[in-house]
């Protein structure tokens, strides 16, 4: 039984492949966005560790918002929760 001989099966196969691609893109977008926010947070924390005398409350609050945005996109990632804790230490 070939899929090409059955138009309904061929259409269903194309539809399922398309939906799978869309779902994959959706999750990839969220994981990528979360990773970018987390990377920016890590860089700020590293900079603060080296130059702690110039850290302002405004910088800490902006960084906290960044890691909270990362958690909105990927709330189960334990490293992001760890980064949030590090921001709260500042």
C-alpha atoms as a PDB file:
ATOM      1  CA  UNK A   1       0.000   0.000   0.000  1.00  0.00           C
ATOM      2  CA  UNK A   2       1.661   3.194  -1.186  1.00  0.00           C
ATOM      3  CA  UNK A   3       0.762   6.558   0.287  1.00  0.00           C
ATOM      4  CA  UNK A   4       0.802   8.102  -3.194  1.00  0.00           C
ATOM      5  CA  UNK A   5      -2.098   5.848  -4.211  1.00  0.00           C
ATOM      6  CA  UNK A   6      -4.265   7.150  -1.367  1.00  0.00           C
ATOM      7  CA  UNK A   7      -4.803  10.913  -1.562  1.00  0.00           C
ATOM      8  CA  UNK A   8      -6.274  11.108   1.935  1.00  0.00           C
ATOM      9  CA  UNK A   9      -3.216   9.422   3.492  1.00  0.00           C
ATOM     10  CA  UNK A  10      -0.857  11.604   1.495  1.00  0.00           C
ATOM     11  CA  UNK A  11      -2.684  14.743   2.615  1.00  0.00           C
ATOM     12  CA  UNK A  12      -2.738  13.551   6.239  1.00  0.00           C
ATOM     13  CA  UNK A  13       0.992  12.814   6.108  1.00  0.00           C
ATOM     14  CA  UNK A  14       1.803  16.281   4.739  1.00  0.00           C
ATOM     15  CA  UNK A  15      -0.429  17.883   7.337  1.00  0.00           C
ATOM     16  CA  UNK A  16       1.172  15.981  10.210  1.00  0.00           C
ATOM     17  CA  UNK A  17       4.676  16.856   9.005  1.00  0.00           C
ATOM     18  CA  UNK A  18       3.700  20.512   8.733  1.00  0.00           C
ATOM     19  CA  UNK A  19       2.172  20.556  12.216  1.00  0.00           C
ATOM     20  CA  UNK A  20       5.219  18.835  13.657  1.00  0.00           C
ATOM     21  CA  UNK A  21       7.444  21.470  12.064  1.00  0.00           C
ATOM     22  CA  UNK A  22       5.313  24.296  13.495  1.00  0.00           C
ATOM     23  CA  UNK A  23       5.358  22.817  16.995  1.00  0.00           C
ATOM     24  CA  UNK A  24       9.122  22.343  16.777  1.00  0.00           C
ATOM     25  CA  UNK A  25       9.595  25.961  15.700  1.00  0.00           C
ATOM     26  CA  UNK A  26       7.349  27.157  18.528  1.00  0.00           C
ATOM     27  CA  UNK A  27       9.392  25.369  21.196  1.00  0.00           C
ATOM     28  CA  UNK A  28      12.695  26.291  19.564  1.00  0.00           C
ATOM     29  CA  UNK A  29      11.698  29.968  19.644  1.00  0.00           C
ATOM     30  CA  UNK A  30      10.848  29.820  23.341  1.00  0.00           C
ATOM     31  CA  UNK A  31      14.014  27.939  24.299  1.00  0.00           C
ATOM     32  CA  UNK A  32      16.176  30.292  22.226  1.00  0.00           C
ATOM     33  CA  UNK A  33      14.564  33.386  23.722  1.00  0.00           C
ATOM     34  CA  UNK A  34      15.016  32.025  27.235  1.00  0.00           C
ATOM     35  CA  UNK A  35      18.660  31.198  26.516  1.00  0.00           C
ATOM     36  CA  UNK A  36      19.355  34.727  25.292  1.00  0.00           C
ATOM     37  CA  UNK A  37      17.865  36.267  28.447  1.00  0.00           C
ATOM     38  CA  UNK A  38      19.789  33.815  30.633  1.00  0.00           C
ATOM     39  CA  UNK A  39      23.057  34.544  28.832  1.00  0.00           C
ATOM     40  CA  UNK A  40      22.579  38.287  29.345  1.00  0.00           C
ATOM     41  CA  UNK A  41      21.887  37.644  33.023  1.00  0.00           C
ATOM     42  CA  UNK A  42      25.033  35.512  33.383  1.00  0.00           C
ATOM     43  CA  UNK A  43      27.154  38.179  31.739  1.00  0.00           C
ATOM     44  CA  UNK A  44      25.818  40.863  34.067  1.00  0.00           C
ATOM     45  CA  UNK A  45      26.511  38.703  37.134  1.00  0.00           C
ATOM     46  CA  UNK A  46      30.050  37.962  35.891  1.00  0.00           C
ATOM     47  CA  UNK A  47      30.657  41.657  35.325  1.00  0.00           C
ATOM     48  CA  UNK A  48      29.333  42.526  38.768  1.00  0.00           C
ATOM     49  CA  UNK A  49      31.578  39.916  40.345  1.00  0.00           C
ATOM     50  CA  UNK A  50      34.633  41.566  38.776  1.00  0.00           C
ATOM     51  CA  UNK A  51      33.480  45.182  39.288  1.00  0.00           C
ATOM     52  CA  UNK A  52      31.221  45.124  42.319  1.00  0.00           C
ATOM     53  CA  UNK A  53      31.772  48.766  43.230  1.00  0.00           C
ATOM     54  CA  UNK A  54      29.708  50.112  40.311  1.00  0.00           C
ATOM     55  CA  UNK A  55      26.580  47.965  40.632  1.00  0.00           C
ATOM     56  CA  UNK A  56      23.381  49.964  40.971  1.00  0.00           C
ATOM     57  CA  UNK A  57      19.951  48.873  42.130  1.00  0.00           C
ATOM     58  CA  UNK A  58      18.587  49.764  38.690  1.00  0.00           C
ATOM     59  CA  UNK A  59      21.018  47.343  37.011  1.00  0.00           C
ATOM     60  CA  UNK A  60      20.038  44.589  39.421  1.00  0.00           C
ATOM     61  CA  UNK A  61      16.328  45.187  38.789  1.00  0.00           C
ATOM     62  CA  UNK A  62      16.822  45.164  35.000  1.00  0.00           C
ATOM     63  CA  UNK A  63      18.751  41.901  35.248  1.00  0.00           C
ATOM     64  CA  UNK A  64      16.060  40.419  37.493  1.00  0.00           C
ATOM     65  CA  UNK A  65      13.470  41.268  34.835  1.00  0.00           C
ATOM     66  CA  UNK A  66      15.615  39.563  32.193  1.00  0.00           C
ATOM     67  CA  UNK A  67      15.857  36.293  34.097  1.00  0.00           C
ATOM     68  CA  UNK A  68      12.148  36.440  34.929  1.00  0.00           C
ATOM     69  CA  UNK A  69      11.464  36.725  31.188  1.00  0.00           C
ATOM     70  CA  UNK A  70      13.656  33.671  30.633  1.00  0.00           C
ATOM     71  CA  UNK A  71      11.590  31.815  33.205  1.00  0.00           C
ATOM     72  CA  UNK A  72       8.401  32.831  31.400  1.00  0.00           C
ATOM     73  CA  UNK A  73       9.690  31.099  28.281  1.00  0.00           C
ATOM     74  CA  UNK A  74      11.173  28.039  30.013  1.00  0.00           C
ATOM     75  CA  UNK A  75       9.970  27.787  33.594  1.00  0.00           C
ATOM     76  CA  UNK A  76      11.316  24.283  34.293  1.00  0.00           C
ATOM     77  CA  UNK A  77      14.991  25.051  33.673  1.00  0.00           C
ATOM     78  CA  UNK A  78      16.836  24.720  37.008  1.00  0.00           C
ATOM     79  CA  UNK A  79      19.762  26.896  35.898  1.00  0.00           C
ATOM     80  CA  UNK A  80      17.427  29.829  35.328  1.00  0.00           C
ATOM     81  CA  UNK A  81      16.120  29.495  38.883  1.00  0.00           C
ATOM     82  CA  UNK A  82      19.715  29.414  40.078  1.00  0.00           C
ATOM     83  CA  UNK A  83      20.443  32.625  38.166  1.00  0.00           C
ATOM     84  CA  UNK A  84      17.392  34.273  39.716  1.00  0.00           C
ATOM     85  CA  UNK A  85      18.762  33.374  43.142  1.00  0.00           C
ATOM     86  CA  UNK A  86      22.137  34.894  42.241  1.00  0.00           C
ATOM     87  CA  UNK A  87      20.420  38.100  41.152  1.00  0.00           C
ATOM     88  CA  UNK A  88      18.546  38.220  44.456  1.00  0.00           C
ATOM     89  CA  UNK A  89      21.926  37.928  46.248  1.00  0.00           C
ATOM     90  CA  UNK A  90      22.930  41.238  44.680  1.00  0.00           C
END
